[in-house]
């Protein structure tokens, strides 16, 4: 019987481990590039101009958030299922669906930006020009549409190395063009122009990346004109079905942020002081870093589970999901524990002695972090098996159950009580894991039927 070390080595040599590693490295490179870009723009423009540019980006992000539906995650999962069945025609239909559905959203947000963003900038940002810049940045949505289609195609067919290269190239091009624009014009409009120019460059990056898939040994992807034909064949029924599932994906993500981050802070702001709020915000920010290290695993898991579902192998699907949950939860428990202990030295050094009271929140937030580590595959599972309504019900039920105890805890112990409230919100992980195990016990092997769009 293989030892635990041998099993770990085998897991690290698996295709899934390579996929997750490529995506995690790409995420680190993108974050580093974005960080360096922000520093350079700040140094060149100065704090006031940089603030205006940041406001324009935030305003565009707000407009995108309002109209955003989780089409990408849905399409990636369904393409992976089609790959598991060896159905090239289904891949074509889902890419056509994404082109049509996301195209409507991107164009709609762009038009909405030109209509309302200048007014929002004038009324709420005290600068109409900020709204105009946000509207101009909105052009990057429709311009990036081909890039997003290729992104879904590579992600769903598990071409993770090529996907990582493509995403890194776009981010590096964006950073270069934004900085070049600021250097050329000396104002934030140069950075805004760089954002749009990067979307134009992404068309070339997407075309070259898509061409590289030809003859690479993976599932053959449809020609661009075939995707256009499939997009035109997309019906309103297809869009309604996609919106139903995509909205559920987005709703669950937003509910998680609401219950775990926003609600405890809101209650603490109501029942506590600004100082206690600072302690909670600081502690949550430093404690979320280990879980962010699982981003590559989470992204790699959606197509991996989708492919196994398409192959009609629930035992393999359950085995992969169980293995990933145990490995990610165990990694967070061990390495997150070491990291948490180091914070008792790092926080006073980096933030000063006045931040030391935030360390009292570490134990409760560490428990939350470990629970989140074991639940890393839950969202992918619900999406792949189309049980997102169950996930939402469990999350809402947990939030309702711990709402009154949360108020009592925060009233009594301020930030400490808020940290315990966060841990209680994560207690719903146990219910999720019970449902996952129950689902697989009742499942029988067999290929999955075709999904919309037909």
Foldseek 3Di string as FASTA:
>chain_A
DDDPVVVVVVVCPDLLVVLLVLVLVLVVLLVVLVVVLLVLLCVLQPDVLSVLLVLLVVLLVVLCLVLDFQLLLLLLLQLLLCQLQLNQVLNLLSLLQLLQQQLVSLVVSLVVLVVCQLVCCCPPVVHSVSSVLSSLLSLLSNLLSLLSSLLSVCLSQSVRNLSSVLSSVLSNQLSVQLSVQCVVPVGNVRNSVSSNVSSNVSVVSSVVSLVVVVPPPTRNHDDPVSSNVSNVVDDVVLSVVSRVLRNLLSVLVVLLCCQQPVVLLVLLVVQHDPLLSVLLVVLVVQLCVLVSSCVSSLSSLLSVLSSCQSNQNLVVSLVVLQVQLVVQLVCCLVVVVVSLVCCCVVCCVPPNPSNNVSNLLSVLSSLLSSLCRSCSCLSSVCSSVVNSVVVVVLLVVQSVVCVVVLSVQCNVPRSNSSSNSSSSSSVSSVVSVVVSVVVSVPDDGDGDDNDPPD
